[in-house]
Amino acid sequence: MWRERGYDVVSPAEHDLQMGFNPEIATDEQGFDVQAALRWDIEQLLSPDMEAIYMLDGWEASFGASTEHAVAAGIGLERFYETPKDEARYIYREHTAVAR
């Protein structure tokens, strides 16, 4: 959707797949370096060309996505969400969300 609108999209999920991540196998069983992947994600957010972040459904339950969200909020990136925040399930703070 964002590419169709003319945006240059950086996708951590696509990058992970290119680096050999298999979503059908547990990370500890495939030797995928989750920390290196998250470092790459954060480096992308810190790029001076980065303007915004788009959070997919379920980001609140993902350690990596929550970390990315906190960094984006902390450095002032605009944040967009696939669906509105789920106030019944989570307590939202400026940088993160916690389960109720």
PDB file of N, CA and C in Angstrom:
ATOM      1  N   MET A   1       0.822  -1.186   0.000  1.00  0.00           N
ATOM      2  CA  MET A   1       0.000   0.000   0.000  1.00  0.00           C
ATOM      3  C   MET A   1       0.875   1.262   0.000  1.00  0.00           C
ATOM      4  N   TRP A   2       1.889   1.313   0.858  1.00  0.00           N
ATOM      5  CA  TRP A   2       2.733   2.510   0.935  1.00  0.00           C
ATOM      6  C   TRP A   2       3.590   2.662  -0.318  1.00  0.00           C
ATOM      7  N   ARG A   3       4.065   1.565  -0.847  1.00  0.00           N
ATOM      8  CA  ARG A   3       4.838   1.629  -2.089  1.00  0.00           C
ATOM      9  C   ARG A   3       3.973   2.135  -3.238  1.00  0.00           C
ATOM     10  N   GLU A   4       2.723   1.683  -3.279  1.00  0.00           N
ATOM     11  CA  GLU A   4       1.801   2.136  -4.317  1.00  0.00           C
ATOM     12  C   GLU A   4       1.562   3.639  -4.227  1.00  0.00           C
ATOM     13  N   ARG A   5       1.695   4.185  -3.038  1.00  0.00           N
ATOM     14  CA  ARG A   5       1.514   5.627  -2.836  1.00  0.00           C
ATOM     15  C   ARG A   5       2.802   6.405  -3.110  1.00  0.00           C
ATOM     16  N   GLY A   6       3.864   5.679  -3.494  1.00  0.00           N
ATOM     17  CA  GLY A   6       5.103   6.339  -3.868  1.00  0.00           C
ATOM     18  C   GLY A   6       6.153   6.457  -2.781  1.00  0.00           C
ATOM     19  N   TYR A   7       5.925   5.807  -1.641  1.00  0.00           N
ATOM     20  CA  TYR A   7       6.892   5.870  -0.549  1.00  0.00           C
ATOM     21  C   TYR A   7       7.994   4.830  -0.733  1.00  0.00           C
ATOM     22  N   ASP A   8       9.172   5.156  -0.253  1.00  0.00           N
ATOM     23  CA  ASP A   8      10.284   4.214  -0.213  1.00  0.00           C
ATOM     24  C   ASP A   8      10.151   3.446   1.098  1.00  0.00           C
ATOM     25  N   VAL A   9       9.787   2.180   1.018  1.00  0.00           N
ATOM     26  CA  VAL A   9       9.485   1.374   2.201  1.00  0.00           C
ATOM     27  C   VAL A   9      10.689   0.533   2.608  1.00  0.00           C
ATOM     28  N   VAL A  10      10.993   0.560   3.903  1.00  0.00           N
ATOM     29  CA  VAL A  10      12.010  -0.314   4.487  1.00  0.00           C
ATOM     30  C   VAL A  10      11.240  -1.298   5.362  1.00  0.00           C
ATOM     31  N   SER A  11      11.289  -2.571   5.013  1.00  0.00           N
ATOM     32  CA  SER A  11      10.524  -3.580   5.735  1.00  0.00           C
ATOM     33  C   SER A  11      11.445  -4.528   6.494  1.00  0.00           C
ATOM     34  N   PRO A  12      11.412  -4.490   7.827  1.00  0.00           N
ATOM     35  CA  PRO A  12      12.203  -5.445   8.598  1.00  0.00           C
ATOM     36  C   PRO A  12      11.846  -6.897   8.274  1.00  0.00           C
ATOM     37  N   ALA A  13      10.570  -7.172   8.044  1.00  0.00           N
ATOM     38  CA  ALA A  13      10.148  -8.542   7.729  1.00  0.00           C
ATOM     39  C   ALA A  13      10.760  -9.011   6.415  1.00  0.00           C
ATOM     40  N   GLU A  14      10.726  -8.152   5.406  1.00  0.00           N
ATOM     41  CA  GLU A  14      11.327  -8.521   4.122  1.00  0.00           C
ATOM     42  C   GLU A  14      12.833  -8.711   4.261  1.00  0.00           C
ATOM     43  N   HIS A  15      13.479  -7.846   5.031  1.00  0.00           N
ATOM     44  CA  HIS A  15      14.923  -7.963   5.245  1.00  0.00           C
ATOM     45  C   HIS A  15      15.255  -9.282   5.935  1.00  0.00           C
ATOM     46  N   ASP A  16      14.482  -9.630   6.959  1.00  0.00           N
ATOM     47  CA  ASP A  16      14.729 -10.892   7.673  1.00  0.00           C
ATOM     48  C   ASP A  16      14.617 -12.091   6.730  1.00  0.00           C
ATOM     49  N   LEU A  17      13.613 -12.084   5.870  1.00  0.00           N
ATOM     50  CA  LEU A  17      13.460 -13.182   4.907  1.00  0.00           C
ATOM     51  C   LEU A  17      14.661 -13.249   3.974  1.00  0.00           C
ATOM     52  N   GLN A  18      15.144 -12.095   3.529  1.00  0.00           N
ATOM     53  CA  GLN A  18      16.322 -12.060   2.665  1.00  0.00           C
ATOM     54  C   GLN A  18      17.564 -12.583   3.382  1.00  0.00           C
ATOM     55  N   MET A  19      17.588 -12.431   4.702  1.00  0.00           N
ATOM     56  CA  MET A  19      18.732 -12.880   5.495  1.00  0.00           C
ATOM     57  C   MET A  19      18.602 -14.346   5.921  1.00  0.00           C
ATOM     58  N   GLY A  20      17.549 -15.017   5.448  1.00  0.00           N
ATOM     59  CA  GLY A  20      17.408 -16.445   5.696  1.00  0.00           C
ATOM     60  C   GLY A  20      16.413 -16.842   6.759  1.00  0.00           C
ATOM     61  N   PHE A  21      15.688 -15.882   7.323  1.00  0.00           N
ATOM     62  CA  PHE A  21      14.695 -16.212   8.343  1.00  0.00           C
ATOM     63  C   PHE A  21      13.555 -17.007   7.732  1.00  0.00           C
ATOM     64  N   ASN A  22      13.162 -18.088   8.429  1.00  0.00           N
ATOM     65  CA  ASN A  22      12.034 -18.915   8.008  1.00  0.00           C
ATOM     66  C   ASN A  22      10.960 -18.794   9.092  1.00  0.00           C
ATOM     67  N   PRO A  23       9.837 -18.103   8.804  1.00  0.00           N
ATOM     68  CA  PRO A  23       8.809 -17.900   9.828  1.00  0.00           C
ATOM     69  C   PRO A  23       8.106 -19.180  10.281  1.00  0.00           C
ATOM     70  N   GLU A  24       8.349 -20.288   9.590  1.00  0.00           N
ATOM     71  CA  GLU A  24       7.705 -21.546   9.960  1.00  0.00           C
ATOM     72  C   GLU A  24       8.544 -22.383  10.918  1.00  0.00           C
ATOM     73  N   ILE A  25       9.750 -21.895  11.233  1.00  0.00           N
ATOM     74  CA  ILE A  25      10.655 -22.618  12.131  1.00  0.00           C
ATOM     75  C   ILE A  25      11.039 -21.682  13.281  1.00  0.00           C
ATOM     76  N   ALA A  26      11.077 -22.206  14.497  1.00  0.00           N
ATOM     77  CA  ALA A  26      11.472 -21.399  15.659  1.00  0.00           C
ATOM     78  C   ALA A  26      12.864 -20.818  15.437  1.00  0.00           C
ATOM     79  N   THR A  27      13.060 -19.583  15.880  1.00  0.00           N
ATOM     80  CA  THR A  27      14.343 -18.914  15.631  1.00  0.00           C
ATOM     81  C   THR A  27      15.516 -19.672  16.225  1.00  0.00           C
ATOM     82  N   ASP A  28      15.336 -20.263  17.396  1.00  0.00           N
ATOM     83  CA  ASP A  28      16.451 -20.994  18.015  1.00  0.00           C
ATOM     84  C   ASP A  28      16.772 -22.290  17.270  1.00  0.00           C
ATOM     85  N   GLU A  29      15.840 -22.787  16.467  1.00  0.00           N
ATOM     86  CA  GLU A  29      16.069 -24.002  15.688  1.00  0.00           C
ATOM     87  C   GLU A  29      16.723 -23.717  14.333  1.00  0.00           C
ATOM     88  N   GLN A  30      16.716 -22.462  13.899  1.00  0.00           N
ATOM     89  CA  GLN A  30      17.268 -22.156  12.584  1.00  0.00           C
ATOM     90  C   GLN A  30      18.536 -21.316  12.663  1.00  0.00           C
ATOM     91  N   GLY A  31      18.925 -20.919  13.856  1.00  0.00           N
ATOM     92  CA  GLY A  31      20.151 -20.152  14.002  1.00  0.00           C
ATOM     93  C   GLY A  31      20.035 -18.721  13.528  1.00  0.00           C
ATOM     94  N   PHE A  32      18.837 -18.208  13.431  1.00  0.00           N
ATOM     95  CA  PHE A  32      18.654 -16.825  13.001  1.00  0.00           C
ATOM     96  C   PHE A  32      19.032 -15.888  14.136  1.00  0.00           C
ATOM     97  N   ASP A  33      19.834 -14.875  13.838  1.00  0.00           N
ATOM     98  CA  ASP A  33      20.324 -13.939  14.850  1.00  0.00           C
ATOM     99  C   ASP A  33      19.310 -12.811  15.034  1.00  0.00           C
ATOM    100  N   VAL A  34      18.426 -12.984  16.001  1.00  0.00           N
ATOM    101  CA  VAL A  34      17.359 -12.017  16.252  1.00  0.00           C
ATOM    102  C   VAL A  34      17.938 -10.674  16.688  1.00  0.00           C
ATOM    103  N   GLN A  35      18.976 -10.700  17.511  1.00  0.00           N
ATOM    104  CA  GLN A  35      19.578  -9.442  17.970  1.00  0.00           C
ATOM    105  C   GLN A  35      20.173  -8.657  16.808  1.00  0.00           C
ATOM    106  N   ALA A  36      20.839  -9.337  15.893  1.00  0.00           N
ATOM    107  CA  ALA A  36      21.397  -8.655  14.721  1.00  0.00           C
ATOM    108  C   ALA A  36      20.274  -8.077  13.860  1.00  0.00           C
ATOM    109  N   ALA A  37      19.189  -8.808  13.742  1.00  0.00           N
ATOM    110  CA  ALA A  37      18.051  -8.322  12.962  1.00  0.00           C
ATOM    111  C   ALA A  37      17.468  -7.060  13.597  1.00  0.00           C
ATOM    112  N   LEU A  38      17.314  -7.061  14.917  1.00  0.00           N
ATOM    113  CA  LEU A  38      16.770  -5.894  15.597  1.00  0.00           C
ATOM    114  C   LEU A  38      17.726  -4.707  15.504  1.00  0.00           C
ATOM    115  N   ARG A  39      19.015  -4.977  15.565  1.00  0.00           N
ATOM    116  CA  ARG A  39      19.992  -3.890  15.386  1.00  0.00           C
ATOM    117  C   ARG A  39      19.829  -3.249  14.002  1.00  0.00           C
ATOM    118  N   TRP A  40      19.655  -4.086  12.982  1.00  0.00           N
ATOM    119  CA  TRP A  40      19.454  -3.568  11.632  1.00  0.00           C
ATOM    120  C   TRP A  40      18.189  -2.713  11.582  1.00  0.00           C
ATOM    121  N   ASP A  41      17.113  -3.204  12.202  1.00  0.00           N
ATOM    122  CA  ASP A  41      15.854  -2.454  12.223  1.00  0.00           C
ATOM    123  C   ASP A  41      16.052  -1.077  12.850  1.00  0.00           C
ATOM    124  N   ILE A  42      16.743  -1.027  13.983  1.00  0.00           N
ATOM    125  CA  ILE A  42      16.970   0.235  14.690  1.00  0.00           C
ATOM    126  C   ILE A  42      17.846   1.165  13.850  1.00  0.00           C
ATOM    127  N   GLU A  43      18.860   0.609  13.203  1.00  0.00           N
ATOM    128  CA  GLU A  43      19.709   1.428  12.320  1.00  0.00           C
ATOM    129  C   GLU A  43      18.874   2.091  11.228  1.00  0.00           C
ATOM    130  N   GLN A  44      17.908   1.369  10.691  1.00  0.00           N
ATOM    131  CA  GLN A  44      17.051   1.928   9.645  1.00  0.00           C
ATOM    132  C   GLN A  44      16.213   3.071  10.203  1.00  0.00           C
ATOM    133  N   LEU A  45      15.691   2.887  11.409  1.00  0.00           N
ATOM    134  CA  LEU A  45      14.885   3.945  12.030  1.00  0.00           C
ATOM    135  C   LEU A  45      15.707   5.210  12.260  1.00  0.00           C
ATOM    136  N   LEU A  46      16.976   5.039  12.583  1.00  0.00           N
ATOM    137  CA  LEU A  46      17.846   6.176  12.884  1.00  0.00           C
ATOM    138  C   LEU A  46      18.369   6.880  11.632  1.00  0.00           C
ATOM    139  N   SER A  47      18.095   6.336  10.479  1.00  0.00           N
ATOM    140  CA  SER A  47      18.532   6.954   9.229  1.00  0.00           C
ATOM    141  C   SER A  47      17.904   8.346   9.101  1.00  0.00           C
ATOM    142  N   PRO A  48      18.680   9.333   8.668  1.00  0.00           N
ATOM    143  CA  PRO A  48      18.107  10.676   8.506  1.00  0.00           C
ATOM    144  C   PRO A  48      17.002  10.741   7.451  1.00  0.00           C
ATOM    145  N   ASP A  49      16.929   9.734   6.587  1.00  0.00           N
ATOM    146  CA  ASP A  49      15.883   9.697   5.559  1.00  0.00           C
ATOM    147  C   ASP A  49      14.558   9.144   6.066  1.00  0.00           C
ATOM    148  N   MET A  50      14.563   8.522   7.257  1.00  0.00           N
ATOM    149  CA  MET A  50      13.351   7.901   7.787  1.00  0.00           C
ATOM    150  C   MET A  50      12.405   8.971   8.309  1.00  0.00           C
ATOM    151  N   GLU A  51      11.147   8.889   7.888  1.00  0.00           N
ATOM    152  CA  GLU A  51      10.167   9.899   8.285  1.00  0.00           C
ATOM    153  C   GLU A  51       9.053   9.358   9.171  1.00  0.00           C
ATOM    154  N   ALA A  52       8.757   8.055   9.040  1.00  0.00           N
ATOM    155  CA  ALA A  52       7.601   7.502   9.748  1.00  0.00           C
ATOM    156  C   ALA A  52       7.775   5.999   9.932  1.00  0.00           C
ATOM    157  N   ILE A  53       6.914   5.454  10.785  1.00  0.00           N
ATOM    158  CA  ILE A  53       6.872   4.004  10.998  1.00  0.00           C
ATOM    159  C   ILE A  53       5.409   3.575  10.906  1.00  0.00           C
ATOM    160  N   TYR A  54       5.190   2.398  10.342  1.00  0.00           N
ATOM    161  CA  TYR A  54       3.849   1.832  10.200  1.00  0.00           C
ATOM    162  C   TYR A  54       3.804   0.568  11.040  1.00  0.00           C
ATOM    163  N   MET A  55       2.932   0.540  12.025  1.00  0.00           N
ATOM    164  CA  MET A  55       2.842  -0.590  12.943  1.00  0.00           C
ATOM    165  C   MET A  55       1.732  -1.535  12.499  1.00  0.00           C
ATOM    166  N   LEU A  56       2.115  -2.787  12.268  1.00  0.00           N
ATOM    167  CA  LEU A  56       1.150  -3.815  11.882  1.00  0.00           C
ATOM    168  C   LEU A  56       0.349  -4.280  13.084  1.00  0.00           C
ATOM    169  N   ASP A  57      -0.793  -4.886  12.825  1.00  0.00           N
ATOM    170  CA  ASP A  57      -1.607  -5.451  13.903  1.00  0.00           C
ATOM    171  C   ASP A  57      -0.763  -6.375  14.771  1.00  0.00           C
ATOM    172  N   GLY A  58      -0.952  -6.290  16.065  1.00  0.00           N
ATOM    173  CA  GLY A  58      -0.251  -7.169  16.987  1.00  0.00           C
ATOM    174  C   GLY A  58       1.114  -6.672  17.422  1.00  0.00           C
ATOM    175  N   TRP A  59       1.502  -5.477  17.002  1.00  0.00           N
ATOM    176  CA  TRP A  59       2.828  -4.962  17.358  1.00  0.00           C
ATOM    177  C   TRP A  59       3.027  -4.918  18.864  1.00  0.00           C
ATOM    178  N   GLU A  60       1.954  -4.715  19.598  1.00  0.00           N
ATOM    179  CA  GLU A  60       2.063  -4.580  21.051  1.00  0.00           C
ATOM    180  C   GLU A  60       2.598  -5.845  21.719  1.00  0.00           C
ATOM    181  N   ALA A  61       2.360  -7.000  21.106  1.00  0.00           N
ATOM    182  CA  ALA A  61       2.779  -8.279  21.686  1.00  0.00           C
ATOM    183  C   ALA A  61       4.143  -8.729  21.172  1.00  0.00           C
ATOM    184  N   SER A  62       4.781  -7.923  20.341  1.00  0.00           N
ATOM    185  CA  SER A  62       6.076  -8.277  19.767  1.00  0.00           C
ATOM    186  C   SER A  62       7.184  -7.459  20.421  1.00  0.00           C
ATOM    187  N   PHE A  63       8.174  -8.135  20.981  1.00  0.00           N
ATOM    188  CA  PHE A  63       9.296  -7.442  21.603  1.00  0.00           C
ATOM    189  C   PHE A  63       9.993  -6.537  20.589  1.00  0.00           C
ATOM    190  N   GLY A  64      10.272  -7.070  19.403  1.00  0.00           N
ATOM    191  CA  GLY A  64      10.968  -6.289  18.382  1.00  0.00           C
ATOM    192  C   GLY A  64      10.164  -5.087  17.924  1.00  0.00           C
ATOM    193  N   ALA A  65       8.895  -5.301  17.609  1.00  0.00           N
ATOM    194  CA  ALA A  65       8.056  -4.200  17.130  1.00  0.00           C
ATOM    195  C   ALA A  65       7.840  -3.154  18.221  1.00  0.00           C
ATOM    196  N   SER A  66       7.693  -3.597  19.477  1.00  0.00           N
ATOM    197  CA  SER A  66       7.554  -2.643  20.578  1.00  0.00           C
ATOM    198  C   SER A  66       8.810  -1.801  20.745  1.00  0.00           C
ATOM    199  N   THR A  67       9.958  -2.437  20.569  1.00  0.00           N
ATOM    200  CA  THR A  67      11.223  -1.712  20.649  1.00  0.00           C
ATOM    201  C   THR A  67      11.322  -0.697  19.521  1.00  0.00           C
ATOM    202  N   GLU A  68      10.961  -1.112  18.316  1.00  0.00           N
ATOM    203  CA  GLU A  68      10.977  -0.204  17.171  1.00  0.00           C
ATOM    204  C   GLU A  68      10.031   0.970  17.411  1.00  0.00           C
ATOM    205  N   HIS A  69       8.859   0.687  17.958  1.00  0.00           N
ATOM    206  CA  HIS A  69       7.884   1.735  18.246  1.00  0.00           C
ATOM    207  C   HIS A  69       8.454   2.726  19.252  1.00  0.00           C
ATOM    208  N   ALA A  70       9.097   2.227  20.293  1.00  0.00           N
ATOM    209  CA  ALA A  70       9.677   3.106  21.318  1.00  0.00           C
ATOM    210  C   ALA A  70      10.759   4.005  20.714  1.00  0.00           C
ATOM    211  N   VAL A  71      11.607   3.436  19.879  1.00  0.00           N
ATOM    212  CA  VAL A  71      12.651   4.231  19.229  1.00  0.00           C
ATOM    213  C   VAL A  71      12.017   5.291  18.337  1.00  0.00           C
ATOM    214  N   ALA A  72      11.040   4.894  17.535  1.00  0.00           N
ATOM    215  CA  ALA A  72      10.375   5.840  16.636  1.00  0.00           C
ATOM    216  C   ALA A  72       9.741   6.988  17.419  1.00  0.00           C
ATOM    217  N   ALA A  73       9.071   6.657  18.509  1.00  0.00           N
ATOM    218  CA  ALA A  73       8.455   7.695  19.335  1.00  0.00           C
ATOM    219  C   ALA A  73       9.522   8.597  19.951  1.00  0.00           C
ATOM    220  N   GLY A  74      10.589   7.984  20.417  1.00  0.00           N
ATOM    221  CA  GLY A  74      11.652   8.738  21.076  1.00  0.00           C
ATOM    222  C   GLY A  74      12.365   9.719  20.167  1.00  0.00           C
ATOM    223  N   ILE A  75      12.482   9.393  18.891  1.00  0.00           N
ATOM    224  CA  ILE A  75      13.190  10.287  17.974  1.00  0.00           C
ATOM    225  C   ILE A  75      12.223  11.135  17.142  1.00  0.00           C
ATOM    226  N   GLY A  76      10.939  11.022  17.443  1.00  0.00           N
ATOM    227  CA  GLY A  76       9.952  11.909  16.833  1.00  0.00           C
ATOM    228  C   GLY A  76       9.448  11.519  15.459  1.00  0.00           C
ATOM    229  N   LEU A  77       9.574  10.239  15.099  1.00  0.00           N
ATOM    230  CA  LEU A  77       9.014   9.810  13.819  1.00  0.00           C
ATOM    231  C   LEU A  77       7.491   9.782  13.903  1.00  0.00           C
ATOM    232  N   GLU A  78       6.853  10.082  12.795  1.00  0.00           N
ATOM    233  CA  GLU A  78       5.407   9.951  12.745  1.00  0.00           C
ATOM    234  C   GLU A  78       5.060   8.475  12.811  1.00  0.00           C
ATOM    235  N   ARG A  79       3.978   8.140  13.516  1.00  0.00           N
ATOM    236  CA  ARG A  79       3.585   6.744  13.662  1.00  0.00           C
ATOM    237  C   ARG A  79       2.201   6.526  13.085  1.00  0.00           C
ATOM    238  N   PHE A  80       2.090   5.479  12.256  1.00  0.00           N
ATOM    239  CA  PHE A  80       0.820   5.072  11.670  1.00  0.00           C
ATOM    240  C   PHE A  80       0.537   3.645  12.138  1.00  0.00           C
ATOM    241  N   TYR A  81      -0.744   3.288  12.218  1.00  0.00           N
ATOM    242  CA  TYR A  81      -1.143   1.976  12.731  1.00  0.00           C
ATOM    243  C   TYR A  81      -2.098   1.301  11.749  1.00  0.00           C
ATOM    244  N   GLU A  82      -1.905  -0.007  11.557  1.00  0.00           N
ATOM    245  CA  GLU A  82      -2.784  -0.765  10.670  1.00  0.00           C
ATOM    246  C   GLU A  82      -4.234  -0.670  11.131  1.00  0.00           C
ATOM    247  N   THR A  83      -4.450  -0.803  12.431  1.00  0.00           N
ATOM    248  CA  THR A  83      -5.783  -0.636  13.012  1.00  0.00           C
ATOM    249  C   THR A  83      -5.651   0.242  14.250  1.00  0.00           C
ATOM    250  N   PRO A  84      -6.755   0.829  14.678  1.00  0.00           N
ATOM    251  CA  PRO A  84      -6.682   1.669  15.881  1.00  0.00           C
ATOM    252  C   PRO A  84      -6.170   0.884  17.089  1.00  0.00           C
ATOM    253  N   LYS A  85      -5.680   1.626  18.031  1.00  0.00           N
ATOM    254  CA  LYS A  85      -5.166   1.001  19.252  1.00  0.00           C
ATOM    255  C   LYS A  85      -6.281   0.243  19.969  1.00  0.00           C
ATOM    256  N   ASP A  86      -5.920  -0.877  20.572  1.00  0.00           N
ATOM    257  CA  ASP A  86      -6.864  -1.733  21.295  1.00  0.00           C
ATOM    258  C   ASP A  86      -6.816  -1.382  22.779  1.00  0.00           C
ATOM    259  N   GLU A  87      -7.576  -0.353  23.148  1.00  0.00           N
ATOM    260  CA  GLU A  87      -7.552   0.155  24.529  1.00  0.00           C
ATOM    261  C   GLU A  87      -8.079  -0.867  25.541  1.00  0.00           C
ATOM    262  N   ALA A  88      -8.884  -1.836  25.091  1.00  0.00           N
ATOM    263  CA  ALA A  88      -9.405  -2.851  26.012  1.00  0.00           C
ATOM    264  C   ALA A  88      -8.316  -3.842  26.409  1.00  0.00           C
ATOM    265  N   ARG A  89      -7.361  -4.059  25.508  1.00  0.00           N
ATOM    266  CA  ARG A  89      -6.311  -5.060  25.740  1.00  0.00           C
ATOM    267  C   ARG A  89      -5.012  -4.490  26.270  1.00  0.00           C
ATOM    268  N   TYR A  90      -4.725  -3.229  25.909  1.00  0.00           N
ATOM    269  CA  TYR A  90      -3.428  -2.649  26.241  1.00  0.00           C
ATOM    270  C   TYR A  90      -3.570  -1.274  26.870  1.00  0.00           C
ATOM    271  N   ILE A  91      -2.617  -0.962  27.696  1.00  0.00           N
ATOM    272  CA  ILE A  91      -2.469   0.387  28.229  1.00  0.00           C
ATOM    273  C   ILE A  91      -1.368   1.036  27.405  1.00  0.00           C
ATOM    274  N   TYR A  92      -1.684   2.112  26.736  1.00  0.00           N
ATOM    275  CA  TYR A  92      -0.722   2.761  25.849  1.00  0.00           C
ATOM    276  C   TYR A  92      -0.035   3.913  26.571  1.00  0.00           C
ATOM    277  N   ARG A  93       1.280   3.940  26.398  1.00  0.00           N
ATOM    278  CA  ARG A  93       2.087   5.043  26.863  1.00  0.00           C
ATOM    279  C   ARG A  93       2.724   5.669  25.638  1.00  0.00           C
ATOM    280  N   GLU A  94       3.386   6.769  25.801  1.00  0.00           N
ATOM    281  CA  GLU A  94       3.981   7.461  24.654  1.00  0.00           C
ATOM    282  C   GLU A  94       4.903   6.542  23.846  1.00  0.00           C
ATOM    283  N   HIS A  95       5.703   5.723  24.537  1.00  0.00           N
ATOM    284  CA  HIS A  95       6.712   4.923  23.844  1.00  0.00           C
ATOM    285  C   HIS A  95       6.366   3.450  23.699  1.00  0.00           C
ATOM    286  N   THR A  96       5.382   2.976  24.430  1.00  0.00           N
ATOM    287  CA  THR A  96       5.132   1.541  24.410  1.00  0.00           C
ATOM    288  C   THR A  96       3.693   1.221  24.803  1.00  0.00           C
ATOM    289  N   ALA A  97       3.393  -0.052  24.844  1.00  0.00           N
ATOM    290  CA  ALA A  97       2.085  -0.522  25.300  1.00  0.00           C
ATOM    291  C   ALA A  97       2.324  -1.747  26.176  1.00  0.00           C
ATOM    292  N   VAL A  98       1.502  -1.893  27.210  1.00  0.00           N
ATOM    293  CA  VAL A  98       1.607  -3.064  28.082  1.00  0.00           C
ATOM    294  C   VAL A  98       0.246  -3.733  28.165  1.00  0.00           C
ATOM    295  N   ALA A  99       0.255  -5.050  28.278  1.00  0.00           N
ATOM    296  CA  ALA A  99      -1.002  -5.792  28.384  1.00  0.00           C
ATOM    297  C   ALA A  99      -1.688  -5.468  29.691  1.00  0.00           C
ATOM    298  N   ARG A 100      -3.002  -5.422  29.643  1.00  0.00           N
ATOM    299  CA  ARG A 100      -3.781  -5.157  30.868  1.00  0.00           C
ATOM    300  C   ARG A 100      -3.828  -6.405  31.713  1.00  0.00           C
TER     301      ARG A 100
END
